[in-house]
Amino acid sequence: MQHTVIPVEDAAVATGFERFFETLRRITPREELSLTAASTLRRLERSGPHRLCELYAPEGVSQPAMTQLVTRLEKEGLAERGSDPADGRAVVVSITDAGRAAVARRREGRAQALSGLLQGLTPAEHAALVAALPALERLGDLVAEQPTS
């Protein structure tokens, strides 16, 4: 396998993201949802119903693990299964109103905790974070556009 040279700035961005991800994990409420459950519900909220077989690879879990997760979410009333209108043999998973509410509570708890931390930044640091949001959104879009394997 050939290694490519990574620009120093890109390595610094990767390190910064890693540290920020750790921060988000620490401040995110854990009462209700695991990271994978929350991510799956956010995906369903953002882009609508998905076939079960489309959910496991983007979340980095096995198909049996995703099946178990969806079963648990269904029992908790956060997601529901139905038949695919295009192919009645296939199962699609969608988020319920209770699932949307759980995602909103998690988002609100994280926003409250993060807001407290943001108060410790200088106005220039805060403005720099706000200015970076469009680029972060675009980066997220680029990741979402990548084929999953």
Protein backbone atom coordinates (compact mmCIF):
# COMPACT_ATOMS: atom_id res chain seq x y z
CA MET A 1 0.00 0.00 0.00
CA GLN A 2 1.44 3.33 -1.05
CA HIS A 3 1.36 6.15 1.50
CA THR A 4 0.58 9.65 0.34
CA VAL A 5 2.07 12.69 1.96
CA ILE A 6 -0.56 14.47 4.02
CA PRO A 7 -0.19 18.25 4.27
CA VAL A 8 0.63 19.42 7.79
CA GLU A 9 -2.55 21.54 7.87
CA ASP A 10 -4.72 18.52 6.99
CA ALA A 11 -3.12 16.48 9.76
CA ALA A 12 -3.77 19.35 12.18
CA VAL A 13 -7.44 19.47 11.08
CA ALA A 14 -7.73 15.71 11.66
CA THR A 15 -6.24 16.08 15.14
CA GLY A 16 -8.56 18.99 15.91
CA PHE A 17 -11.61 16.99 14.76
CA GLU A 18 -10.53 14.06 16.91
CA ARG A 19 -10.26 16.26 19.99
CA PHE A 20 -13.58 17.97 19.24
CA PHE A 21 -15.29 14.60 18.72
CA GLU A 22 -14.06 13.53 22.16
CA THR A 23 -15.47 16.78 23.58
CA LEU A 24 -18.86 16.20 21.95
CA ARG A 25 -18.96 12.64 23.27
CA ARG A 26 -18.31 13.90 26.79
CA ILE A 27 -20.99 16.59 26.74
CA THR A 28 -23.71 14.65 24.90
CA PRO A 29 -26.52 13.36 27.14
CA ARG A 30 -26.53 9.56 27.31
CA GLU A 31 -29.80 8.83 29.09
CA GLU A 32 -31.68 7.56 26.08
CA LEU A 33 -29.65 6.72 23.01
CA SER A 34 -26.34 5.08 22.15
CA LEU A 35 -24.14 6.83 19.60
CA THR A 36 -25.19 4.37 16.88
CA ALA A 37 -28.88 4.62 17.76
CA ALA A 38 -28.74 8.41 17.72
CA SER A 39 -26.84 8.46 14.43
CA THR A 40 -29.29 6.04 12.82
CA LEU A 41 -32.28 8.09 13.97
CA ARG A 42 -30.64 11.31 12.72
CA ARG A 43 -30.07 9.66 9.33
CA LEU A 44 -33.75 8.63 9.17
CA GLU A 45 -34.82 12.10 10.28
CA ARG A 46 -32.59 13.85 7.75
CA SER A 47 -33.08 11.71 4.67
CA GLY A 48 -36.27 9.76 5.24
CA PRO A 49 -36.99 6.02 5.34
CA HIS A 50 -34.21 3.60 4.42
CA ARG A 51 -34.12 -0.07 3.66
CA LEU A 52 -32.62 -1.97 6.55
CA CYS A 53 -29.75 -3.09 4.31
CA GLU A 54 -28.86 0.59 3.64
CA LEU A 55 -28.40 1.47 7.30
CA TYR A 56 -25.68 -0.78 8.64
CA ALA A 57 -22.65 0.11 6.46
CA PRO A 58 -22.80 3.91 6.99
CA GLU A 59 -22.99 3.31 10.75
CA GLY A 60 -20.02 0.93 10.71
CA VAL A 61 -21.89 -2.03 12.18
CA SER A 62 -22.82 -5.48 10.90
CA GLN A 63 -26.22 -6.18 9.37
CA PRO A 64 -27.22 -8.39 12.36
CA ALA A 65 -26.21 -5.61 14.77
CA MET A 66 -28.32 -3.09 12.82
CA THR A 67 -31.25 -5.52 12.80
CA GLN A 68 -30.99 -5.78 16.60
CA LEU A 69 -30.74 -2.00 16.92
CA VAL A 70 -33.79 -1.40 14.72
CA THR A 71 -35.71 -4.03 16.72
CA ARG A 72 -34.81 -2.19 19.94
CA LEU A 73 -35.73 1.21 18.44
CA GLU A 74 -39.02 -0.26 17.27
CA LYS A 75 -39.80 -1.70 20.75
CA GLU A 76 -39.05 1.72 22.25
CA GLY A 77 -41.37 3.38 19.72
CA LEU A 78 -38.57 5.43 18.14
CA ALA A 79 -38.61 3.77 14.71
CA GLU A 80 -40.96 1.58 12.72
CA ARG A 81 -40.65 -0.94 9.95
CA GLY A 82 -42.85 -1.06 6.90
CA SER A 83 -42.81 -2.48 3.42
CA ASP A 84 -41.02 -0.68 0.62
CA PRO A 85 -43.63 0.81 -1.76
CA ALA A 86 -41.32 0.03 -4.69
CA ASP A 87 -40.71 -3.58 -3.60
CA GLY A 88 -43.16 -5.12 -1.15
CA ARG A 89 -40.64 -7.82 -0.20
CA ALA A 90 -38.16 -5.27 1.18
CA VAL A 91 -38.38 -3.70 4.62
CA VAL A 92 -37.96 0.03 5.15
CA VAL A 93 -37.26 1.69 8.46
CA SER A 94 -38.58 5.15 9.32
CA ILE A 95 -38.38 7.40 12.36
CA THR A 96 -41.48 7.98 14.48
CA ASP A 97 -42.58 11.20 16.16
CA ALA A 98 -41.18 9.79 19.42
CA GLY A 99 -37.87 9.16 17.63
CA ARG A 100 -37.81 12.74 16.37
CA ALA A 101 -38.48 13.96 19.91
CA ALA A 102 -35.62 11.80 21.28
CA VAL A 103 -33.22 13.22 18.67
CA ALA A 104 -34.40 16.76 19.49
CA ARG A 105 -33.85 16.20 23.26
CA ARG A 106 -30.35 14.88 22.62
CA ARG A 107 -29.57 17.80 20.29
CA GLU A 108 -30.92 20.31 22.84
CA GLY A 109 -28.89 18.80 25.69
CA ARG A 110 -25.72 18.91 23.62
CA ALA A 111 -26.45 22.49 22.49
CA GLN A 112 -26.94 23.61 26.09
CA ALA A 113 -23.68 22.04 27.20
CA LEU A 114 -21.81 23.41 24.20
CA SER A 115 -23.28 26.88 24.70
CA GLY A 116 -21.75 26.98 28.15
CA LEU A 117 -18.36 26.08 26.72
CA LEU A 118 -18.66 28.63 23.92
CA GLN A 119 -18.99 31.35 26.55
CA GLY A 120 -15.34 30.69 27.40
CA LEU A 121 -14.16 31.67 23.91
CA THR A 122 -13.10 35.12 22.86
CA PRO A 123 -15.44 36.91 20.42
CA ALA A 124 -12.88 36.29 17.63
CA GLU A 125 -12.69 32.55 18.41
CA HIS A 126 -16.49 32.31 18.47
CA ALA A 127 -16.73 34.18 15.15
CA ALA A 128 -14.13 31.84 13.61
CA LEU A 129 -16.22 28.81 14.59
CA VAL A 130 -19.38 30.34 13.14
CA ALA A 131 -17.50 31.24 9.93
CA ALA A 132 -16.32 27.61 9.60
CA LEU A 133 -19.84 26.14 9.76
CA PRO A 134 -20.52 26.23 5.98
CA ALA A 135 -17.25 24.42 5.29
CA LEU A 136 -18.07 21.83 7.98
CA GLU A 137 -21.52 21.30 6.46
CA ARG A 138 -19.95 20.82 3.02
CA LEU A 139 -17.44 18.37 4.46
CA GLY A 140 -20.33 16.41 5.95
CA ASP A 141 -22.03 16.39 2.55
CA LEU A 142 -18.87 15.07 0.92
CA VAL A 143 -18.68 12.25 3.45
CA ALA A 144 -22.36 11.41 2.87
CA GLU A 145 -21.75 11.25 -0.89
CA GLN A 146 -18.98 8.65 -0.51
CA PRO A 147 -20.01 5.12 -1.47
CA THR A 148 -20.23 2.79 1.51
CA SER A 149 -18.57 -0.58 1.42
